[in-house]
Amino acid sequence: MKERVEDVAHKIFFEICGKKPTEIDLFFLDTIHFPKIDYLPIMTVYLPMPRKINGHSVYEGIVFSEYESGAQTIWNLFFATVCHAAAHASVTDFSKYQNWIKDKDKDKAYKTIEKIEDIKINHFLKTFFPEYYQGINKINNAFKIINEKNIQDKLTYKRNKFIDRFGSKKKIEDVIKNNIIKLDSKDKNKIIEIADKLYFNQNIIEEENAPYVDHYTQQNNAINWKQNVTINPSGTVEKNVQNFIDIWFEQQKRRDKTRKKYGGLTHDLNFDKIEFAPENIGEYLRLRNATHMFLKKMSSQMKLVPNIMDEGIPEDMGLLQMQAAIQAVAAQNNSIQIFEQDDYRKIEEEWAVVLDTSSSMRLKFDEMKKFAIALGEAANDVNSKNGKWGFFTFNNNFRIVKDHYEKYDQTARSRVGGIEITGLSFIGDAVKLCTRILERENIEKKFIFLITDGQQVGTLGNNKDMEDAILEARKKGITVIAIGLPEGITKVFNLCIPYESLRKTVAKFISAYARISGEDT
């Protein structure tokens, strides 16, 4: 498996925080400008990825005229962002502030909490990851200089800086900082005492302007863009940054190739864009643990389903049974089977598993998502030797969870965990696109497994558009099975399986697949 930036960052994050992936949700997104952390009900970290806007590379409020000149700064900031968020995951216990924050001004309260926790995590990094801390401190100093240059009234600024440095404010800051560092992590009362002092004396809190730091009040969109900032890393940080640069280059080439392949199939469809699904390995692992028995049952039973090519004398392949071989030679009997086959041999099948993630699915989505995970694992087992399969989601966007030519590795599984509900429902377009994807291969048996509630929202014609797309797929020899629709709601599908419980739906699906896989479609 080729390494990706997200995989390397994921490893660094959990090495720093010392937690398990099931304890924290970690997203890498190209739709946000700045990092964000939600602490409740489960800690969720959102880290921005570099992207292009109007031909320029942008990252955390900085515009670079060309990626090559800004790469060192971009990945230096990215590395600092990962380290800072991971330190929060290790040190910050937001539950200590839950009661304190009630009935307070949210902006002031969060600014207070951030001040306390940033002091704690900087001390944590300085103690346990000194080389990382030195790199982050270098970024802090660079942005202090940048911000000083942006101050309009330089004389007033210098006078205030002198007062802050040598006056009472500086002394108070040092005392508070030392008290926070020396705090017993279990001493909740002392933490709240310091929080009260900072909350009612906001002038003590220095504004943090480094872009890698998460803020409750952080703007979703950058307002005052900075231009072509240069911060060159050194030491261990430089090695990590260069690694990110090298991996990103290859990663973008692979992604651009995949996007181009799908983009050529969508010329008359209504999707806003074709993109890769966001990733969340923690959520996938939690769901997999919750559905473990169903995954095993579905995979093992579907692998043993014979199809129309399984009839006749078993071929001479499988595990050699030595005793049977000796008997066959001694008796000169060619009808004695000397190979044991651990499962049925199957002809090639091509699958497209496609999950509706529109807003109408909200009520039953948690259960349907569990079924999708079970189906994905089964698809991987059934088609592991001589088949192809893809996993997709759709609303008003079409998202690639697993391309037919990708392995079902941690990347694809992380995308399953990142599936979320939002947007419109373009069922007809999803079926059309899956049909076009399956048409590319010269494989005899093709299936579309459509997981949906059937409520199509956002396209003209609604159900007629969906039915026309399904009929067109069937004309081209593709079997279309719907999971989640009541039986008899429409006769255009080869088969409809209503969603009941996970146990019942898995059992019905295995039975239906056994029946329909043996049919000559």
Protein backbone atom coordinates (compact mmCIF):
# COMPACT_ATOMS: atom_id res chain seq x y z
CA MET A 1 0.00 0.00 0.00
CA LYS A 2 1.36 3.39 -0.98
CA GLU A 3 1.73 5.73 1.97
CA ARG A 4 -0.42 8.85 2.18
CA VAL A 5 -0.05 12.11 4.08
CA GLU A 6 -3.14 11.26 6.16
CA ASP A 7 -1.67 7.89 7.18
CA VAL A 8 1.63 9.42 8.32
CA ALA A 9 -0.12 12.26 10.15
CA HIS A 10 -2.50 9.78 11.78
CA LYS A 11 0.46 7.80 13.10
CA ILE A 12 2.22 10.92 14.44
CA PHE A 13 -1.00 12.14 16.07
CA PHE A 14 -1.61 8.94 18.04
CA GLU A 15 2.06 8.51 18.94
CA ILE A 16 1.95 11.96 20.57
CA CYS A 17 -1.41 11.66 22.32
CA GLY A 18 -1.00 8.04 23.43
CA LYS A 19 -4.68 7.26 22.83
CA LYS A 20 -6.44 4.61 20.73
CA PRO A 21 -8.08 5.52 17.39
CA THR A 22 -11.43 4.34 18.79
CA GLU A 23 -11.22 7.06 21.48
CA ILE A 24 -10.83 10.05 19.14
CA ASP A 25 -12.34 10.94 15.78
CA LEU A 26 -9.74 12.47 13.45
CA PHE A 27 -10.72 14.09 10.15
CA PHE A 28 -8.46 15.53 7.44
CA LEU A 29 -10.56 17.95 5.36
CA ASP A 30 -9.93 20.20 2.37
CA THR A 31 -13.14 22.13 3.09
CA ILE A 32 -11.91 24.06 6.16
CA HIS A 33 -9.22 26.71 6.54
CA PHE A 34 -8.28 26.29 10.19
CA PRO A 35 -8.13 23.42 12.71
CA LYS A 36 -11.10 22.78 14.95
CA ILE A 37 -11.64 20.56 17.98
CA ASP A 38 -14.98 19.44 19.44
CA TYR A 39 -14.53 17.89 22.86
CA LEU A 40 -17.98 16.45 23.50
CA PRO A 41 -19.52 13.88 23.37
CA ILE A 42 -16.34 12.34 21.92
CA MET A 43 -13.24 14.33 21.07
CA THR A 44 -13.35 15.12 17.36
CA VAL A 45 -10.41 16.78 15.62
CA TYR A 46 -10.73 18.46 12.21
CA LEU A 47 -7.45 19.25 10.48
CA PRO A 48 -7.27 21.30 7.26
CA MET A 49 -5.51 19.99 4.18
CA PRO A 50 -3.81 22.16 1.53
CA ARG A 51 -5.96 23.10 -1.45
CA LYS A 52 -6.06 25.32 -4.51
CA ILE A 53 -8.33 28.32 -4.97
CA ASN A 54 -8.28 30.24 -8.26
CA GLY A 55 -4.97 28.65 -9.19
CA HIS A 56 -3.24 29.59 -5.92
CA SER A 57 -2.24 27.21 -3.14
CA VAL A 58 -3.78 28.18 0.20
CA TYR A 59 -3.30 26.92 3.72
CA GLU A 60 -4.41 28.28 7.10
CA GLY A 61 -5.01 31.82 5.90
CA ILE A 62 -1.92 32.11 3.70
CA VAL A 63 -1.92 32.42 -0.08
CA PHE A 64 1.04 31.09 -2.05
CA SER A 65 1.44 32.18 -5.65
CA GLU A 66 2.80 28.73 -6.46
CA TYR A 67 2.83 25.50 -4.47
CA GLU A 68 6.54 24.78 -4.97
CA SER A 69 7.64 28.00 -3.27
CA GLY A 70 5.20 27.54 -0.39
CA ALA A 71 5.53 23.78 0.17
CA GLN A 72 7.98 24.04 3.07
CA THR A 73 5.78 26.53 4.93
CA ILE A 74 2.55 24.66 4.18
CA TRP A 75 3.78 21.33 5.52
CA ASN A 76 5.62 22.98 8.40
CA LEU A 77 2.29 24.46 9.51
CA PHE A 78 0.52 21.16 8.86
CA PHE A 79 2.99 19.32 11.08
CA ALA A 80 2.59 21.94 13.84
CA THR A 81 -1.21 21.59 13.54
CA VAL A 82 -1.02 17.81 13.99
CA CYS A 83 1.29 18.14 17.00
CA HIS A 84 -0.80 20.84 18.69
CA ALA A 85 -4.07 18.93 18.25
CA ALA A 86 -2.46 15.67 19.43
CA ALA A 87 -1.16 17.40 22.56
CA HIS A 88 -4.74 18.56 23.27
CA ALA A 89 -5.90 14.97 22.86
CA SER A 90 -3.34 13.88 25.45
CA VAL A 91 -3.69 16.68 27.99
CA THR A 92 -7.06 18.43 27.71
CA ASP A 93 -9.93 17.11 29.81
CA PHE A 94 -12.84 19.33 28.86
CA SER A 95 -15.20 17.69 31.35
CA LYS A 96 -13.52 19.74 34.12
CA TYR A 97 -14.96 22.90 32.59
CA GLN A 98 -18.46 21.60 31.80
CA ASN A 99 -20.21 23.07 34.82
CA TRP A 100 -17.98 26.14 34.98
CA ILE A 101 -18.79 27.22 31.42
CA LYS A 102 -22.56 27.27 32.00
CA ASP A 103 -24.18 30.72 31.99
CA LYS A 104 -20.96 32.39 30.87
CA ASP A 105 -20.18 34.34 27.74
CA LYS A 106 -19.07 31.54 25.36
CA ASP A 107 -16.39 33.57 23.56
CA LYS A 108 -14.76 34.74 26.80
CA ALA A 109 -15.09 31.32 28.44
CA TYR A 110 -13.52 29.44 25.53
CA LYS A 111 -10.75 32.02 25.25
CA THR A 112 -10.01 31.38 28.93
CA ILE A 113 -9.99 27.60 28.53
CA GLU A 114 -7.79 27.83 25.45
CA LYS A 115 -5.27 29.98 27.32
CA ILE A 116 -5.00 27.47 30.17
CA GLU A 117 -4.86 24.41 27.94
CA ASP A 118 -2.35 25.90 25.48
CA ILE A 119 0.03 26.57 28.37
CA LYS A 120 -0.39 22.96 29.47
CA ILE A 121 0.13 21.44 26.04
CA ASN A 122 3.17 23.61 25.25
CA HIS A 123 4.70 22.36 28.49
CA PHE A 124 3.76 18.80 27.49
CA LEU A 125 5.43 19.11 24.07
CA LYS A 126 8.49 20.86 25.51
CA THR A 127 8.91 18.04 28.04
CA PHE A 128 8.20 14.97 25.90
CA PHE A 129 8.76 16.15 22.30
CA PRO A 130 11.37 18.94 22.58
CA GLU A 131 12.36 18.93 18.90
CA TYR A 132 8.72 19.27 17.84
CA TYR A 133 8.26 22.07 20.37
CA GLN A 134 11.29 23.94 19.03
CA GLY A 135 9.83 23.81 15.52
CA ILE A 136 6.46 25.08 16.76
CA ASN A 137 8.15 27.86 18.76
CA LYS A 138 9.93 28.92 15.58
CA ILE A 139 6.55 29.33 13.88
CA ASN A 140 5.22 31.30 16.86
CA ASN A 141 8.14 33.74 16.71
CA ALA A 142 7.74 34.18 12.95
CA PHE A 143 4.05 35.06 13.30
CA LYS A 144 4.75 37.48 16.16
CA ILE A 145 7.01 39.39 13.78
CA ILE A 146 4.37 39.25 11.01
CA ASN A 147 1.67 40.50 13.35
CA GLU A 148 3.89 43.31 14.70
CA LYS A 149 4.33 44.58 11.14
CA ASN A 150 0.57 44.74 10.72
CA ILE A 151 0.07 47.02 13.72
CA GLN A 152 -0.90 50.48 12.47
CA ASP A 153 0.21 52.62 15.43
CA LYS A 154 3.77 51.45 15.97
CA LEU A 155 4.53 53.96 18.75
CA THR A 156 1.49 52.96 20.80
CA TYR A 157 2.26 49.32 20.15
CA LYS A 158 5.88 49.64 21.32
CA ARG A 159 4.82 51.56 24.43
CA ASN A 160 2.25 48.92 25.29
CA LYS A 161 4.74 46.13 24.66
CA PHE A 162 7.20 47.79 27.04
CA ILE A 163 4.53 48.07 29.74
CA ASP A 164 3.45 44.48 29.16
CA ARG A 165 7.02 43.22 29.30
CA PHE A 166 8.15 45.01 32.43
CA GLY A 167 4.88 45.97 34.09
CA SER A 168 2.42 44.14 36.29
CA LYS A 169 0.68 42.33 33.42
CA LYS A 170 3.86 40.44 32.55
CA LYS A 171 4.37 39.45 36.16
CA ILE A 172 0.78 38.24 36.48
CA GLU A 173 1.12 36.21 33.26
CA ASP A 174 4.30 34.53 34.55
CA VAL A 175 2.68 33.67 37.87
CA ILE A 176 -0.41 32.21 36.20
CA LYS A 177 1.70 30.25 33.71
CA ASN A 178 3.83 28.75 36.50
CA ASN A 179 0.73 27.89 38.52
CA ILE A 180 -0.83 26.13 35.55
CA ILE A 181 2.33 24.15 34.80
CA LYS A 182 2.63 23.04 38.43
CA LEU A 183 -1.04 22.04 38.66
CA ASP A 184 -1.97 18.56 39.72
CA SER A 185 -4.14 17.34 36.82
CA LYS A 186 -6.62 15.95 39.38
CA ASP A 187 -6.96 19.27 41.23
CA LYS A 188 -10.14 20.50 39.55
CA ASN A 189 -10.78 23.26 42.10
CA LYS A 190 -7.44 24.94 41.42
CA ILE A 191 -8.03 24.85 37.66
CA ILE A 192 -11.45 26.50 38.11
CA GLU A 193 -9.89 29.11 40.41
CA ILE A 194 -7.39 30.08 37.70
CA ALA A 195 -10.14 30.00 35.05
CA ASP A 196 -12.21 32.46 37.11
CA LYS A 197 -9.27 34.85 37.45
CA LEU A 198 -8.61 34.81 33.68
CA TYR A 199 -12.29 35.03 32.76
CA PHE A 200 -12.78 38.23 34.75
CA ASN A 201 -9.43 39.68 33.62
CA GLN A 202 -9.47 39.13 29.86
CA ASN A 203 -6.77 41.76 29.34
CA ILE A 204 -4.27 39.26 30.73
CA ILE A 205 -4.95 36.85 27.88
CA GLU A 206 -2.66 37.51 24.95
CA GLU A 207 -4.22 36.95 21.53
CA GLU A 208 -2.84 33.84 19.84
CA ASN A 209 -2.34 34.53 16.13
CA ALA A 210 -0.52 31.41 14.98
CA PRO A 211 -2.77 29.74 12.35
CA TYR A 212 -2.10 26.15 13.44
CA VAL A 213 -3.87 26.76 16.80
CA ASP A 214 -7.55 25.85 17.08
CA HIS A 215 -9.97 28.49 18.42
CA TYR A 216 -13.63 28.37 19.35
CA THR A 217 -14.02 31.80 17.76
CA GLN A 218 -11.88 30.96 14.72
CA GLN A 219 -13.33 32.19 11.45
CA ASN A 220 -14.44 29.48 9.05
CA ASN A 221 -13.04 31.58 6.23
CA ALA A 222 -9.82 33.52 6.26
CA ILE A 223 -10.42 37.28 6.15
CA ASN A 224 -7.00 38.90 6.26
CA TRP A 225 -5.02 36.69 3.91
CA LYS A 226 -1.25 36.68 4.32
CA GLN A 227 0.93 36.40 1.24
CA ASN A 228 3.83 34.00 0.58
CA VAL A 229 4.96 33.53 4.19
CA THR A 230 8.22 31.59 4.49
CA ILE A 231 9.02 29.50 7.56
CA ASN A 232 11.74 26.95 6.92
CA PRO A 233 11.82 23.95 9.29
CA SER A 234 14.95 22.33 10.68
CA GLY A 235 16.11 19.13 12.34
CA THR A 236 13.55 16.37 12.93
CA VAL A 237 10.71 18.64 11.87
CA GLU A 238 12.42 19.27 8.52
CA LYS A 239 12.62 15.50 7.89
CA ASN A 240 8.90 15.12 8.59
CA VAL A 241 8.06 18.11 6.38
CA GLN A 242 10.12 16.78 3.47
CA ASN A 243 8.42 13.41 3.87
CA PHE A 244 5.01 15.08 3.61
CA ILE A 245 6.10 16.98 0.49
CA ASP A 246 7.33 13.82 -1.24
CA ILE A 247 4.24 11.76 -0.35
CA TRP A 248 1.80 14.55 -1.30
CA PHE A 249 3.24 14.84 -4.80
CA GLU A 250 2.64 11.15 -5.56
CA GLN A 251 -0.68 11.14 -3.75
CA GLN A 252 -2.05 14.03 -5.81
CA LYS A 253 -1.03 12.34 -9.06
CA ARG A 254 -2.99 9.23 -8.10
CA ARG A 255 -6.04 11.23 -7.01
CA ASP A 256 -6.06 13.40 -10.13
CA LYS A 257 -5.97 10.28 -12.27
CA THR A 258 -8.96 8.78 -10.43
CA ARG A 259 -10.96 12.03 -10.50
CA LYS A 260 -10.35 12.36 -14.24
CA LYS A 261 -11.66 8.82 -14.79
CA TYR A 262 -14.94 9.55 -12.98
CA GLY A 263 -15.26 13.07 -14.33
CA GLY A 264 -15.60 11.70 -17.86
CA LEU A 265 -18.71 9.75 -16.85
CA THR A 266 -20.75 12.60 -15.35
CA HIS A 267 -21.31 15.01 -18.23
CA ASP A 268 -25.14 14.93 -18.09
CA LEU A 269 -25.64 14.24 -14.37
CA ASN A 270 -26.68 16.65 -11.63
CA PHE A 271 -23.95 15.99 -9.06
CA ASP A 272 -22.19 19.11 -7.78
CA LYS A 273 -18.87 17.30 -7.67
CA ILE A 274 -17.11 13.94 -7.60
CA GLU A 275 -14.84 13.59 -4.57
CA PHE A 276 -13.27 11.14 -2.17
CA ALA A 277 -15.21 10.51 1.04
CA PRO A 278 -13.75 12.03 4.24
CA GLU A 279 -11.97 9.63 6.56
CA ASN A 280 -12.58 8.57 10.16
CA ILE A 281 -10.87 5.33 11.12
CA GLY A 282 -12.05 5.60 14.73
CA GLU A 283 -15.72 5.52 13.73
CA TYR A 284 -15.08 2.60 11.37
CA LEU A 285 -13.40 0.59 14.14
CA ARG A 286 -16.26 1.29 16.56
CA LEU A 287 -18.86 0.23 14.00
CA ARG A 288 -16.87 -2.84 13.03
CA ASN A 289 -16.66 -3.92 16.67
CA ALA A 290 -20.43 -3.46 16.99
CA THR A 291 -21.13 -5.58 13.89
CA HIS A 292 -18.35 -8.16 14.17
CA MET A 293 -20.60 -11.24 14.28
CA PHE A 294 -22.69 -10.06 11.34
CA LEU A 295 -19.58 -9.31 9.27
CA LYS A 296 -18.28 -12.81 9.85
CA LYS A 297 -21.61 -14.46 9.08
CA MET A 298 -22.24 -12.51 5.87
CA SER A 299 -18.72 -12.99 4.52
CA SER A 300 -18.46 -16.71 5.28
CA GLN A 301 -21.90 -17.63 3.92
CA MET A 302 -21.69 -15.50 0.78
CA LYS A 303 -18.31 -16.97 -0.12
CA LEU A 304 -19.96 -20.41 -0.22
CA VAL A 305 -22.79 -19.37 -2.54
CA PRO A 306 -22.45 -21.35 -5.81
CA ASN A 307 -23.37 -19.72 -9.09
CA ILE A 308 -24.27 -21.03 -12.54
CA MET A 309 -20.66 -21.90 -13.36
CA ASP A 310 -20.19 -24.25 -10.37
CA GLU A 311 -21.91 -27.25 -11.93
CA GLY A 312 -19.95 -30.24 -13.19
CA ILE A 313 -16.86 -32.10 -12.04
CA PRO A 314 -14.62 -30.10 -9.66
CA GLU A 315 -11.38 -29.01 -11.31
CA ASP A 316 -8.02 -30.35 -10.19
CA MET A 317 -7.11 -27.57 -7.86
CA GLY A 318 -7.24 -26.90 -4.14
CA LEU A 319 -5.55 -28.57 -1.17
CA LEU A 320 -3.92 -31.93 -2.08
CA GLN A 321 -5.18 -34.81 0.10
CA MET A 322 -2.24 -37.24 0.16
CA GLN A 323 -4.20 -40.33 1.33
CA ALA A 324 -6.80 -39.86 -1.43
CA ALA A 325 -4.02 -39.40 -3.99
CA ILE A 326 -2.37 -42.70 -2.97
CA GLN A 327 -5.72 -44.50 -3.25
CA ALA A 328 -6.43 -42.98 -6.67
CA VAL A 329 -3.04 -44.10 -8.03
CA ALA A 330 -3.27 -47.60 -6.51
CA ALA A 331 -6.81 -48.15 -7.79
CA GLN A 332 -6.12 -46.35 -11.08
CA ASN A 333 -9.41 -44.52 -10.47
CA ASN A 334 -9.50 -40.98 -11.89
CA SER A 335 -12.91 -40.29 -10.36
CA ILE A 336 -11.47 -40.12 -6.84
CA GLN A 337 -11.23 -36.45 -5.87
CA ILE A 338 -7.75 -35.79 -4.54
CA PHE A 339 -8.11 -32.03 -4.02
CA GLU A 340 -10.12 -30.53 -1.19
CA GLN A 341 -11.73 -27.19 -2.03
CA ASP A 342 -12.28 -24.85 0.90
CA ASP A 343 -15.01 -22.93 -0.91
CA TYR A 344 -16.95 -22.92 -4.14
CA ARG A 345 -15.24 -21.62 -7.25
CA LYS A 346 -17.02 -18.63 -8.69
CA ILE A 347 -16.92 -16.80 -11.95
CA GLU A 348 -16.03 -13.15 -11.91
CA GLU A 349 -18.54 -10.73 -10.46
CA GLU A 350 -18.43 -6.95 -10.45
CA TRP A 351 -20.18 -5.06 -7.68
CA ALA A 352 -21.07 -1.44 -7.05
CA VAL A 353 -22.19 -0.86 -3.46
CA VAL A 354 -23.79 2.60 -3.27
CA LEU A 355 -25.16 4.18 -0.09
CA ASP A 356 -27.66 7.05 0.03
CA THR A 357 -26.34 9.68 2.48
CA SER A 358 -29.01 12.35 1.91
CA SER A 359 -30.87 14.06 4.75
CA SER A 360 -33.95 11.86 4.29
CA MET A 361 -31.93 8.87 5.56
CA ARG A 362 -31.28 10.45 8.95
CA LEU A 363 -33.80 8.41 11.01
CA LYS A 364 -32.44 5.01 10.05
CA PHE A 365 -28.92 5.88 8.97
CA ASP A 366 -26.96 4.47 11.93
CA GLU A 367 -28.42 1.01 11.31
CA MET A 368 -28.13 1.25 7.52
CA LYS A 369 -24.50 2.31 7.87
CA LYS A 370 -23.80 -0.83 9.91
CA PHE A 371 -25.31 -2.93 7.13
CA ALA A 372 -23.18 -1.07 4.56
CA ILE A 373 -20.05 -1.93 6.55
CA ALA A 374 -21.09 -5.60 6.70
CA LEU A 375 -21.79 -5.61 2.96
CA GLY A 376 -18.44 -3.93 2.23
CA GLU A 377 -16.51 -6.58 4.16
CA ALA A 378 -18.49 -9.33 2.43
CA ALA A 379 -17.85 -7.75 -0.97
CA ASN A 380 -14.15 -7.75 -0.27
CA ASP A 381 -14.15 -11.43 0.71
CA VAL A 382 -16.42 -12.62 -2.12
CA ASN A 383 -14.46 -10.75 -4.79
CA SER A 384 -10.97 -11.09 -3.32
CA LYS A 385 -9.79 -13.72 -5.83
CA ASN A 386 -11.38 -12.97 -9.17
CA GLY A 387 -13.85 -10.11 -8.93
CA LYS A 388 -13.98 -6.33 -8.77
CA TRP A 389 -16.04 -4.09 -6.54
CA GLY A 390 -16.48 -0.45 -5.66
CA PHE A 391 -18.09 1.37 -2.75
CA PHE A 392 -19.69 4.79 -3.21
CA THR A 393 -22.01 7.22 -1.43
CA PHE A 394 -24.21 9.94 -2.84
CA ASN A 395 -26.40 12.92 -2.00
CA ASN A 396 -25.98 15.93 -4.28
CA ASN A 397 -22.31 14.91 -4.43
CA PHE A 398 -20.94 11.53 -5.50
CA ARG A 399 -18.21 10.27 -3.19
CA ILE A 400 -15.69 7.51 -3.77
CA VAL A 401 -15.21 5.27 -0.75
CA LYS A 402 -13.41 2.56 -2.69
CA ASP A 403 -12.66 2.60 -6.40
CA HIS A 404 -12.82 -0.74 -8.25
CA TYR A 405 -9.04 -0.67 -8.65
CA GLU A 406 -8.25 0.27 -5.05
CA LYS A 407 -7.61 -2.22 -2.28
CA TYR A 408 -10.01 -2.33 0.63
CA ASP A 409 -7.27 -1.15 2.98
CA GLN A 410 -7.22 1.25 5.92
CA THR A 411 -7.78 4.20 3.59
CA ALA A 412 -11.03 2.81 2.19
CA ARG A 413 -12.18 1.62 5.59
CA SER A 414 -11.45 5.08 7.03
CA ARG A 415 -13.69 6.56 4.34
CA VAL A 416 -16.49 4.22 5.44
CA GLY A 417 -16.08 5.63 8.95
CA GLY A 418 -16.25 9.18 7.59
CA ILE A 419 -19.66 8.74 5.92
CA GLU A 420 -22.09 11.42 7.12
CA ILE A 421 -25.68 12.48 6.41
CA THR A 422 -26.35 15.71 4.50
CA GLY A 423 -27.79 17.17 1.33
CA LEU A 424 -30.19 16.15 -1.44
CA SER A 425 -30.82 12.71 -2.93
CA PHE A 426 -29.94 12.04 -6.58
CA ILE A 427 -30.81 8.33 -6.70
CA GLY A 428 -31.33 8.21 -10.47
CA ASP A 429 -27.98 9.89 -11.13
CA ALA A 430 -26.23 7.53 -8.71
CA VAL A 431 -27.62 4.47 -10.53
CA LYS A 432 -26.67 5.96 -13.93
CA LEU A 433 -23.12 6.64 -12.79
CA CYS A 434 -22.72 3.18 -11.24
CA THR A 435 -24.03 1.66 -14.49
CA ARG A 436 -21.38 3.55 -16.47
CA ILE A 437 -18.69 2.45 -14.05
CA LEU A 438 -19.69 -1.22 -14.33
CA GLU A 439 -19.95 -1.03 -18.14
CA ARG A 440 -16.22 -0.40 -18.42
CA GLU A 441 -15.39 -4.01 -17.52
CA ASN A 442 -15.99 -7.12 -19.62
CA ILE A 443 -17.36 -9.18 -16.71
CA GLU A 444 -20.39 -11.45 -17.03
CA LYS A 445 -22.21 -10.89 -13.72
CA LYS A 446 -22.66 -7.32 -12.51
CA PHE A 447 -24.54 -6.06 -9.46
CA ILE A 448 -25.60 -2.69 -8.10
CA PHE A 449 -26.45 -2.89 -4.40
CA LEU A 450 -28.40 0.30 -3.68
CA ILE A 451 -28.91 1.14 0.02
CA THR A 452 -31.60 3.83 0.19
CA ASP A 453 -35.01 4.82 1.53
CA GLY A 454 -36.12 5.63 -2.02
CA GLN A 455 -36.90 9.29 -1.31
CA GLN A 456 -35.38 11.14 -4.23
CA VAL A 457 -35.06 14.88 -3.62
CA GLY A 458 -33.51 17.52 -5.85
CA THR A 459 -34.04 16.26 -9.41
CA LEU A 460 -36.93 16.69 -11.82
CA GLY A 461 -39.06 13.63 -12.33
CA ASN A 462 -38.14 12.15 -8.95
CA ASN A 463 -39.21 8.47 -8.93
CA LYS A 464 -39.54 8.29 -12.72
CA ASP A 465 -35.93 9.39 -13.09
CA MET A 466 -34.87 6.67 -10.64
CA GLU A 467 -36.99 3.98 -12.36
CA ASP A 468 -35.70 4.90 -15.83
CA ALA A 469 -32.11 4.63 -14.57
CA ILE A 470 -32.75 1.20 -13.02
CA LEU A 471 -34.47 -0.15 -16.14
CA GLU A 472 -31.57 1.08 -18.28
CA ALA A 473 -29.11 -0.71 -15.98
CA ARG A 474 -31.09 -3.93 -16.22
CA LYS A 475 -31.20 -3.71 -20.03
CA LYS A 476 -27.42 -3.71 -19.91
CA GLY A 477 -27.36 -6.94 -17.90
CA ILE A 478 -26.83 -5.38 -14.47
CA THR A 479 -28.73 -6.81 -11.50
CA VAL A 480 -30.04 -4.02 -9.27
CA ILE A 481 -30.86 -4.91 -5.67
CA ALA A 482 -32.35 -2.32 -3.31
CA ILE A 483 -31.86 -2.54 0.46
CA GLY A 484 -34.05 -0.32 2.61
CA LEU A 485 -37.14 -0.08 0.44
CA PRO A 486 -40.37 -1.85 1.44
CA GLU A 487 -41.15 -4.93 -0.65
CA GLY A 488 -43.43 -4.17 -3.57
CA ILE A 489 -42.87 -0.40 -3.50
CA THR A 490 -41.58 -0.64 -7.06
CA LYS A 491 -41.17 -3.56 -9.44
CA VAL A 492 -38.32 -2.07 -11.44
CA PHE A 493 -35.64 -3.58 -9.17
CA ASN A 494 -34.53 -7.18 -9.56
CA LEU A 495 -35.12 -7.42 -5.84
CA CYS A 496 -36.14 -5.21 -2.89
CA ILE A 497 -35.12 -6.02 0.68
CA PRO A 498 -36.79 -3.93 3.40
CA TYR A 499 -34.57 -2.88 6.27
CA GLU A 500 -35.68 -4.31 9.61
CA SER A 501 -33.00 -5.12 12.16
CA LEU A 502 -29.38 -5.74 11.21
CA ARG A 503 -29.74 -9.44 12.02
CA LYS A 504 -32.85 -9.92 9.88
CA THR A 505 -31.57 -7.81 6.99
CA VAL A 506 -28.27 -9.72 6.84
CA ALA A 507 -30.16 -13.05 6.81
CA LYS A 508 -32.55 -11.87 4.07
CA PHE A 509 -29.69 -10.48 2.00
CA ILE A 510 -27.68 -13.73 2.15
CA SER A 511 -30.76 -15.69 1.07
CA ALA A 512 -31.53 -13.24 -1.74
CA TYR A 513 -27.94 -13.23 -2.98
CA ALA A 514 -27.85 -17.05 -2.99
CA ARG A 515 -30.98 -17.07 -5.13
CA ILE A 516 -30.15 -14.29 -7.55
CA SER A 517 -26.46 -15.18 -7.95
CA GLY A 518 -27.47 -18.52 -9.41
CA GLU A 519 -29.79 -16.98 -11.98
CA ASP A 520 -28.67 -16.47 -15.53
CA THR A 521 -29.17 -12.71 -15.75
